[in-house]
Amino acid sequence: SGGGLVQPGGSLRLSCAASGFTFSSYVMNWYRQAP
């Protein structure tokens, strides 16, 4: 969550809520895919 439309120079904070596994045991990643 946390995405949206922002002007150049602006800021956003993305969040990723995890469940169903032991979150603290895993390395976590952020990825992106442009068109």
PDB file of all heavy atoms in Angstrom:
ATOM      1  N   SER A   1       0.848  -1.191   0.000  1.00  0.00           N
ATOM      2  CA  SER A   1       0.000   0.000   0.000  1.00  0.00           C
ATOM      3  C   SER A   1       0.879   1.234   0.000  1.00  0.00           C
ATOM      4  O   SER A   1       2.090   1.145   0.227  1.00  0.00           O
ATOM      5  CB  SER A   1      -0.935  -0.002   1.208  1.00  0.00           C
ATOM      6  OG  SER A   1      -0.196   0.030   2.406  1.00  0.00           O
ATOM      7  N   GLY A   2       0.256   2.387  -0.243  1.00  0.00           N
ATOM      8  CA  GLY A   2       0.979   3.643  -0.159  1.00  0.00           C
ATOM      9  C   GLY A   2       1.353   4.266  -1.480  1.00  0.00           C
ATOM     10  O   GLY A   2       1.907   5.366  -1.521  1.00  0.00           O
ATOM     11  N   GLY A   3       1.073   3.587  -2.575  1.00  0.00           N
ATOM     12  CA  GLY A   3       1.392   4.157  -3.879  1.00  0.00           C
ATOM     13  C   GLY A   3       0.436   5.274  -4.241  1.00  0.00           C
ATOM     14  O   GLY A   3      -0.530   5.567  -3.526  1.00  0.00           O
ATOM     15  N   GLY A   4       0.716   5.908  -5.369  1.00  0.00           N
ATOM     16  CA  GLY A   4      -0.147   6.979  -5.827  1.00  0.00           C
ATOM     17  C   GLY A   4       0.544   7.845  -6.850  1.00  0.00           C
ATOM     18  O   GLY A   4       1.613   7.501  -7.364  1.00  0.00           O
ATOM     19  N   LEU A   5      -0.082   8.985  -7.134  1.00  0.00           N
ATOM     20  CA  LEU A   5       0.458   9.961  -8.073  1.00  0.00           C
ATOM     21  C   LEU A   5       1.174  11.054  -7.282  1.00  0.00           C
ATOM     22  O   LEU A   5       0.591  11.628  -6.348  1.00  0.00           O
ATOM     23  CB  LEU A   5      -0.678  10.561  -8.902  1.00  0.00           C
ATOM     24  CG  LEU A   5      -0.319  11.717  -9.829  1.00  0.00           C
ATOM     25  CD1 LEU A   5       0.662  11.255 -10.908  1.00  0.00           C
ATOM     26  CD2 LEU A   5      -1.584  12.298 -10.461  1.00  0.00           C
ATOM     27  N   VAL A   6       2.397  11.344  -7.668  1.00  0.00           N
ATOM     28  CA  VAL A   6       3.186  12.354  -6.964  1.00  0.00           C
ATOM     29  C   VAL A   6       3.983  13.154  -7.986  1.00  0.00           C
ATOM     30  O   VAL A   6       4.358  12.627  -9.045  1.00  0.00           O
ATOM     31  CB  VAL A   6       4.114  11.685  -5.919  1.00  0.00           C
ATOM     32  CG1 VAL A   6       5.113  10.762  -6.579  1.00  0.00           C
ATOM     33  CG2 VAL A   6       4.796  12.706  -5.036  1.00  0.00           C
ATOM     34  N   GLN A   7       4.221  14.408  -7.683  1.00  0.00           N
ATOM     35  CA  GLN A   7       5.002  15.259  -8.581  1.00  0.00           C
ATOM     36  C   GLN A   7       6.490  14.956  -8.431  1.00  0.00           C
ATOM     37  O   GLN A   7       6.934  14.484  -7.368  1.00  0.00           O
ATOM     38  CB  GLN A   7       4.741  16.723  -8.273  1.00  0.00           C
ATOM     39  CG  GLN A   7       3.333  17.182  -8.611  1.00  0.00           C
ATOM     40  CD  GLN A   7       3.157  18.684  -8.442  1.00  0.00           C
ATOM     41  OE1 GLN A   7       3.956  19.348  -7.793  1.00  0.00           O
ATOM     42  NE2 GLN A   7       2.108  19.221  -9.048  1.00  0.00           N
ATOM     43  N   PRO A   8       7.263  15.214  -9.468  1.00  0.00           N
ATOM     44  CA  PRO A   8       8.720  15.054  -9.346  1.00  0.00           C
ATOM     45  C   PRO A   8       9.249  15.834  -8.145  1.00  0.00           C
ATOM     46  O   PRO A   8       8.824  16.964  -7.892  1.00  0.00           O
ATOM     47  CB  PRO A   8       9.244  15.634 -10.666  1.00  0.00           C
ATOM     48  CG  PRO A   8       8.116  15.404 -11.631  1.00  0.00           C
ATOM     49  CD  PRO A   8       6.867  15.605 -10.829  1.00  0.00           C
ATOM     50  N   GLY A   9      10.156  15.194  -7.409  1.00  0.00           N
ATOM     51  CA  GLY A   9      10.689  15.793  -6.194  1.00  0.00           C
ATOM     52  C   GLY A   9       9.911  15.448  -4.939  1.00  0.00           C
ATOM     53  O   GLY A   9      10.362  15.745  -3.826  1.00  0.00           O
ATOM     54  N   GLY A  10       8.773  14.831  -5.110  1.00  0.00           N
ATOM     55  CA  GLY A  10       7.932  14.471  -3.974  1.00  0.00           C
ATOM     56  C   GLY A  10       8.379  13.182  -3.302  1.00  0.00           C
ATOM     57  O   GLY A  10       9.376  12.564  -3.693  1.00  0.00           O
ATOM     58  N   SER A  11       7.620  12.802  -2.294  1.00  0.00           N
ATOM     59  CA  SER A  11       7.940  11.621  -1.494  1.00  0.00           C
ATOM     60  C   SER A  11       6.718  10.731  -1.331  1.00  0.00           C
ATOM     61  O   SER A  11       5.579  11.208  -1.348  1.00  0.00           O
ATOM     62  CB  SER A  11       8.429  12.036  -0.102  1.00  0.00           C
ATOM     63  OG  SER A  11       9.622  12.776  -0.176  1.00  0.00           O
ATOM     64  N   LEU A  12       6.993   9.464  -1.173  1.00  0.00           N
ATOM     65  CA  LEU A  12       5.972   8.476  -0.819  1.00  0.00           C
ATOM     66  C   LEU A  12       6.597   7.457   0.118  1.00  0.00           C
ATOM     67  O   LEU A  12       7.806   7.198   0.049  1.00  0.00           O
ATOM     68  CB  LEU A  12       5.438   7.739  -2.057  1.00  0.00           C
ATOM     69  CG  LEU A  12       4.454   8.459  -2.980  1.00  0.00           C
ATOM     70  CD1 LEU A  12       4.180   7.610  -4.214  1.00  0.00           C
ATOM     71  CD2 LEU A  12       3.156   8.792  -2.267  1.00  0.00           C
ATOM     72  N   ARG A  13       5.762   6.875   0.949  1.00  0.00           N
ATOM     73  CA  ARG A  13       6.197   5.768   1.803  1.00  0.00           C
ATOM     74  C   ARG A  13       5.316   4.565   1.505  1.00  0.00           C
ATOM     75  O   ARG A  13       4.112   4.601   1.743  1.00  0.00           O
ATOM     76  CB  ARG A  13       6.086   6.131   3.269  1.00  0.00           C
ATOM     77  CG  ARG A  13       6.724   5.101   4.205  1.00  0.00           C
ATOM     78  CD  ARG A  13       6.291   5.342   5.620  1.00  0.00           C
ATOM     79  NE  ARG A  13       7.134   4.635   6.580  1.00  0.00           N
ATOM     80  CZ  ARG A  13       6.735   4.335   7.826  1.00  0.00           C
ATOM     81  NH1 ARG A  13       5.539   4.715   8.250  1.00  0.00           N
ATOM     82  NH2 ARG A  13       7.556   3.689   8.643  1.00  0.00           N
ATOM     83  N   LEU A  14       5.932   3.529   0.985  1.00  0.00           N
ATOM     84  CA  LEU A  14       5.218   2.291   0.719  1.00  0.00           C
ATOM     85  C   LEU A  14       5.303   1.372   1.930  1.00  0.00           C
ATOM     86  O   LEU A  14       6.307   1.338   2.635  1.00  0.00           O
ATOM     87  CB  LEU A  14       5.810   1.582  -0.496  1.00  0.00           C
ATOM     88  CG  LEU A  14       5.912   2.394  -1.784  1.00  0.00           C
ATOM     89  CD1 LEU A  14       6.435   1.515  -2.910  1.00  0.00           C
ATOM     90  CD2 LEU A  14       4.581   3.020  -2.149  1.00  0.00           C
ATOM     91  N   SER A  15       4.227   0.620   2.129  1.00  0.00           N
ATOM     92  CA  SER A  15       4.185  -0.376   3.199  1.00  0.00           C
ATOM     93  C   SER A  15       3.838  -1.731   2.602  1.00  0.00           C
ATOM     94  O   SER A  15       3.136  -1.818   1.592  1.00  0.00           O
ATOM     95  CB  SER A  15       3.133  -0.007   4.238  1.00  0.00           C
ATOM     96  OG  SER A  15       3.413   1.230   4.852  1.00  0.00           O
ATOM     97  N   CYS A  16       4.326  -2.764   3.250  1.00  0.00           N
ATOM     98  CA  CYS A  16       3.992  -4.125   2.851  1.00  0.00           C
ATOM     99  C   CYS A  16       3.681  -4.909   4.117  1.00  0.00           C
ATOM    100  O   CYS A  16       4.589  -5.167   4.930  1.00  0.00           O
ATOM    101  CB  CYS A  16       5.135  -4.763   2.087  1.00  0.00           C
ATOM    102  SG  CYS A  16       4.933  -6.527   1.772  1.00  0.00           S
ATOM    103  N   ALA A  17       2.419  -5.266   4.282  1.00  0.00           N
ATOM    104  CA  ALA A  17       1.982  -6.028   5.448  1.00  0.00           C
ATOM    105  C   ALA A  17       2.054  -7.513   5.118  1.00  0.00           C
ATOM    106  O   ALA A  17       1.484  -7.957   4.117  1.00  0.00           O
ATOM    107  CB  ALA A  17       0.569  -5.625   5.833  1.00  0.00           C
ATOM    108  N   ALA A  18       2.748  -8.242   5.969  1.00  0.00           N
ATOM    109  CA  ALA A  18       2.978  -9.668   5.725  1.00  0.00           C
ATOM    110  C   ALA A  18       2.220 -10.524   6.722  1.00  0.00           C
ATOM    111  O   ALA A  18       2.044 -10.135   7.888  1.00  0.00           O
ATOM    112  CB  ALA A  18       4.467  -9.973   5.821  1.00  0.00           C
ATOM    113  N   SER A  19       1.794 -11.687   6.276  1.00  0.00           N
ATOM    114  CA  SER A  19       1.140 -12.642   7.160  1.00  0.00           C
ATOM    115  C   SER A  19       1.313 -14.051   6.595  1.00  0.00           C
ATOM    116  O   SER A  19       1.649 -14.225   5.420  1.00  0.00           O
ATOM    117  CB  SER A  19      -0.344 -12.303   7.323  1.00  0.00           C
ATOM    118  OG  SER A  19      -1.004 -12.358   6.079  1.00  0.00           O
ATOM    119  N   GLY A  20       1.092 -15.028   7.467  1.00  0.00           N
ATOM    120  CA  GLY A  20       1.130 -16.416   7.014  1.00  0.00           C
ATOM    121  C   GLY A  20       2.498 -17.064   7.056  1.00  0.00           C
ATOM    122  O   GLY A  20       2.651 -18.208   6.617  1.00  0.00           O
ATOM    123  N   PHE A  21       3.484 -16.346   7.566  1.00  0.00           N
ATOM    124  CA  PHE A  21       4.824 -16.909   7.710  1.00  0.00           C
ATOM    125  C   PHE A  21       5.544 -16.137   8.819  1.00  0.00           C
ATOM    126  O   PHE A  21       5.065 -15.099   9.284  1.00  0.00           O
ATOM    127  CB  PHE A  21       5.605 -16.843   6.399  1.00  0.00           C
ATOM    128  CG  PHE A  21       5.897 -15.445   5.902  1.00  0.00           C
ATOM    129  CD1 PHE A  21       7.154 -14.893   6.033  1.00  0.00           C
ATOM    130  CD2 PHE A  21       4.906 -14.689   5.293  1.00  0.00           C
ATOM    131  CE1 PHE A  21       7.429 -13.611   5.579  1.00  0.00           C
ATOM    132  CE2 PHE A  21       5.159 -13.410   4.833  1.00  0.00           C
ATOM    133  CZ  PHE A  21       6.426 -12.861   4.975  1.00  0.00           C
ATOM    134  N   THR A  22       6.683 -16.648   9.230  1.00  0.00           N
ATOM    135  CA  THR A  22       7.446 -16.010  10.302  1.00  0.00           C
ATOM    136  C   THR A  22       8.264 -14.875   9.705  1.00  0.00           C
ATOM    137  O   THR A  22       9.411 -15.043   9.290  1.00  0.00           O
ATOM    138  CB  THR A  22       8.350 -17.033  11.012  1.00  0.00           C
ATOM    139  OG1 THR A  22       7.562 -18.139  11.435  1.00  0.00           O
ATOM    140  CG2 THR A  22       9.019 -16.384  12.228  1.00  0.00           C
ATOM    141  N   PHE A  23       7.657 -13.708   9.672  1.00  0.00           N
ATOM    142  CA  PHE A  23       8.215 -12.544   8.984  1.00  0.00           C
ATOM    143  C   PHE A  23       9.643 -12.240   9.424  1.00  0.00           C
ATOM    144  O   PHE A  23      10.516 -11.967   8.597  1.00  0.00           O
ATOM    145  CB  PHE A  23       7.309 -11.338   9.255  1.00  0.00           C
ATOM    146  CG  PHE A  23       7.787 -10.046   8.662  1.00  0.00           C
ATOM    147  CD1 PHE A  23       7.630  -9.785   7.315  1.00  0.00           C
ATOM    148  CD2 PHE A  23       8.372  -9.073   9.476  1.00  0.00           C
ATOM    149  CE1 PHE A  23       8.057  -8.582   6.775  1.00  0.00           C
ATOM    150  CE2 PHE A  23       8.792  -7.874   8.951  1.00  0.00           C
ATOM    151  CZ  PHE A  23       8.633  -7.620   7.588  1.00  0.00           C
ATOM    152  N   SER A  24       9.892 -12.301  10.711  1.00  0.00           N
ATOM    153  CA  SER A  24      11.202 -11.895  11.236  1.00  0.00           C
ATOM    154  C   SER A  24      12.330 -12.832  10.820  1.00  0.00           C
ATOM    155  O   SER A  24      13.507 -12.521  11.031  1.00  0.00           O
ATOM    156  CB  SER A  24      11.143 -11.800  12.764  1.00  0.00           C
ATOM    157  OG  SER A  24      10.774 -13.059  13.305  1.00  0.00           O
ATOM    158  N   SER A  25      11.995 -13.960  10.223  1.00  0.00           N
ATOM    159  CA  SER A  25      13.017 -14.937   9.834  1.00  0.00           C
ATOM    160  C   SER A  25      13.524 -14.753   8.413  1.00  0.00           C
ATOM    161  O   SER A  25      14.439 -15.450   7.991  1.00  0.00           O
ATOM    162  CB  SER A  25      12.461 -16.364   9.973  1.00  0.00           C
ATOM    163  OG  SER A  25      12.181 -16.674  11.321  1.00  0.00           O
ATOM    164  N   TYR A  26      12.936 -13.803   7.686  1.00  0.00           N
ATOM    165  CA  TYR A  26      13.246 -13.712   6.263  1.00  0.00           C
ATOM    166  C   TYR A  26      13.797 -12.355   5.861  1.00  0.00           C
ATOM    167  O   TYR A  26      13.336 -11.303   6.322  1.00  0.00           O
ATOM    168  CB  TYR A  26      11.999 -13.999   5.432  1.00  0.00           C
ATOM    169  CG  TYR A  26      11.592 -15.447   5.486  1.00  0.00           C
ATOM    170  CD1 TYR A  26      10.681 -15.884   6.444  1.00  0.00           C
ATOM    171  CD2 TYR A  26      12.137 -16.377   4.605  1.00  0.00           C
ATOM    172  CE1 TYR A  26      10.328 -17.213   6.515  1.00  0.00           C
ATOM    173  CE2 TYR A  26      11.785 -17.708   4.671  1.00  0.00           C
ATOM    174  CZ  TYR A  26      10.879 -18.122   5.631  1.00  0.00           C
ATOM    175  OH  TYR A  26      10.527 -19.444   5.701  1.00  0.00           O
ATOM    176  N   VAL A  27      14.767 -12.411   4.961  1.00  0.00           N
ATOM    177  CA  VAL A  27      15.195 -11.237   4.231  1.00  0.00           C
ATOM    178  C   VAL A  27      14.029 -10.783   3.363  1.00  0.00           C
ATOM    179  O   VAL A  27      13.343 -11.604   2.751  1.00  0.00           O
ATOM    180  CB  VAL A  27      16.423 -11.570   3.363  1.00  0.00           C
ATOM    181  CG1 VAL A  27      16.736 -10.439   2.399  1.00  0.00           C
ATOM    182  CG2 VAL A  27      17.627 -11.921   4.223  1.00  0.00           C
ATOM    183  N   MET A  28      13.801  -9.484   3.324  1.00  0.00           N
ATOM    184  CA  MET A  28      12.690  -8.939   2.542  1.00  0.00           C
ATOM    185  C   MET A  28      13.216  -8.003   1.461  1.00  0.00           C
ATOM    186  O   MET A  28      14.242  -7.344   1.634  1.00  0.00           O
ATOM    187  CB  MET A  28      11.712  -8.191   3.448  1.00  0.00           C
ATOM    188  CG  MET A  28      10.996  -9.068   4.461  1.00  0.00           C
ATOM    189  SD  MET A  28       9.957 -10.331   3.714  1.00  0.00           S
ATOM    190  CE  MET A  28       8.728  -9.344   2.858  1.00  0.00           C
ATOM    191  N   ASN A  29      12.473  -7.945   0.374  1.00  0.00           N
ATOM    192  CA  ASN A  29      12.884  -7.170  -0.790  1.00  0.00           C
ATOM    193  C   ASN A  29      11.761  -6.264  -1.284  1.00  0.00           C
ATOM    194  O   ASN A  29      10.586  -6.599  -1.134  1.00  0.00           O
ATOM    195  CB  ASN A  29      13.254  -8.104  -1.943  1.00  0.00           C
ATOM    196  CG  ASN A  29      14.262  -9.153  -1.560  1.00  0.00           C
ATOM    197  OD1 ASN A  29      15.418  -8.850  -1.276  1.00  0.00           O
ATOM    198  ND2 ASN A  29      13.834 -10.405  -1.528  1.00  0.00           N
ATOM    199  N   TRP A  30      12.149  -5.182  -1.882  1.00  0.00           N
ATOM    200  CA  TRP A  30      11.247  -4.365  -2.701  1.00  0.00           C
ATOM    201  C   TRP A  30      11.750  -4.450  -4.145  1.00  0.00           C
ATOM    202  O   TRP A  30      12.964  -4.331  -4.407  1.00  0.00           O
ATOM    203  CB  TRP A  30      11.229  -2.915  -2.256  1.00  0.00           C
ATOM    204  CG  TRP A  30      10.367  -2.650  -1.075  1.00  0.00           C
ATOM    205  CD1 TRP A  30      10.763  -2.506   0.218  1.00  0.00           C
ATOM    206  CD2 TRP A  30       8.939  -2.485  -1.068  1.00  0.00           C
ATOM    207  NE1 TRP A  30       9.687  -2.269   1.030  1.00  0.00           N
ATOM    208  CE2 TRP A  30       8.548  -2.247   0.269  1.00  0.00           C
ATOM    209  CE3 TRP A  30       7.951  -2.511  -2.055  1.00  0.00           C
ATOM    210  CZ2 TRP A  30       7.226  -2.021   0.643  1.00  0.00           C
ATOM    211  CZ3 TRP A  30       6.639  -2.300  -1.684  1.00  0.00           C
ATOM    212  CH2 TRP A  30       6.287  -2.063  -0.355  1.00  0.00           C
ATOM    213  N   TYR A  31      10.795  -4.641  -5.041  1.00  0.00           N
ATOM    214  CA  TYR A  31      11.058  -4.684  -6.465  1.00  0.00           C
ATOM    215  C   TYR A  31      10.171  -3.650  -7.150  1.00  0.00           C
ATOM    216  O   TYR A  31       9.207  -3.159  -6.563  1.00  0.00           O
ATOM    217  CB  TYR A  31      10.702  -6.056  -7.048  1.00  0.00           C
ATOM    218  CG  TYR A  31      11.428  -7.223  -6.455  1.00  0.00           C
ATOM    219  CD1 TYR A  31      10.993  -7.813  -5.273  1.00  0.00           C
ATOM    220  CD2 TYR A  31      12.533  -7.775  -7.091  1.00  0.00           C
ATOM    221  CE1 TYR A  31      11.653  -8.907  -4.738  1.00  0.00           C
ATOM    222  CE2 TYR A  31      13.197  -8.880  -6.567  1.00  0.00           C
ATOM    223  CZ  TYR A  31      12.747  -9.427  -5.387  1.00  0.00           C
ATOM    224  OH  TYR A  31      13.400 -10.515  -4.856  1.00  0.00           O
ATOM    225  N   ARG A  32      10.467  -3.377  -8.402  1.00  0.00           N
ATOM    226  CA  ARG A  32       9.574  -2.561  -9.206  1.00  0.00           C
ATOM    227  C   ARG A  32       9.611  -3.036 -10.652  1.00  0.00           C
ATOM    228  O   ARG A  32      10.605  -3.615 -11.106  1.00  0.00           O
ATOM    229  CB  ARG A  32       9.924  -1.083  -9.118  1.00  0.00           C
ATOM    230  CG  ARG A  32      11.251  -0.693  -9.743  1.00  0.00           C
ATOM    231  CD  ARG A  32      11.542   0.776  -9.480  1.00  0.00           C
ATOM    232  NE  ARG A  32      12.815   1.213 -10.069  1.00  0.00           N
ATOM    233  CZ  ARG A  32      13.343   2.407  -9.887  1.00  0.00           C
ATOM    234  NH1 ARG A  32      12.722   3.313  -9.135  1.00  0.00           N
ATOM    235  NH2 ARG A  32      14.495   2.720 -10.458  1.00  0.00           N
ATOM    236  N   GLN A  33       8.522  -2.762 -11.331  1.00  0.00           N
ATOM    237  CA  GLN A  33       8.423  -3.107 -12.744  1.00  0.00           C
ATOM    238  C   GLN A  33       7.741  -1.975 -13.487  1.00  0.00           C
ATOM    239  O   GLN A  33       6.572  -1.669 -13.224  1.00  0.00           O
ATOM    240  CB  GLN A  33       7.668  -4.414 -12.946  1.00  0.00           C
ATOM    241  CG  GLN A  33       7.708  -4.916 -14.372  1.00  0.00           C
ATOM    242  CD  GLN A  33       7.256  -6.348 -14.488  1.00  0.00           C
ATOM    243  OE1 GLN A  33       6.596  -6.893 -13.610  1.00  0.00           O
ATOM    244  NE2 GLN A  33       7.619  -6.998 -15.594  1.00  0.00           N
ATOM    245  N   ALA A  34       8.496  -1.361 -14.361  1.00  0.00           N
ATOM    246  CA  ALA A  34       7.963  -0.296 -15.200  1.00  0.00           C
ATOM    247  C   ALA A  34       7.372  -0.910 -16.467  1.00  0.00           C
ATOM    248  O   ALA A  34       7.753  -2.017 -16.864  1.00  0.00           O
ATOM    249  CB  ALA A  34       9.071   0.684 -15.549  1.00  0.00           C
ATOM    250  N   PRO A  35       6.456  -0.198 -17.118  1.00  0.00           N
ATOM    251  CA  PRO A  35       5.847  -0.723 -18.346  1.00  0.00           C
ATOM    252  C   PRO A  35       6.899  -1.096 -19.380  1.00  0.00           C
ATOM    253  O   PRO A  35       7.806  -0.314 -19.668  1.00  0.00           O
ATOM    254  CB  PRO A  35       4.982   0.444 -18.833  1.00  0.00           C
ATOM    255  CG  PRO A  35       4.666   1.213 -17.597  1.00  0.00           C
ATOM    256  CD  PRO A  35       5.888   1.100 -16.736  1.00  0.00           C
TER     257      PRO A  35
END
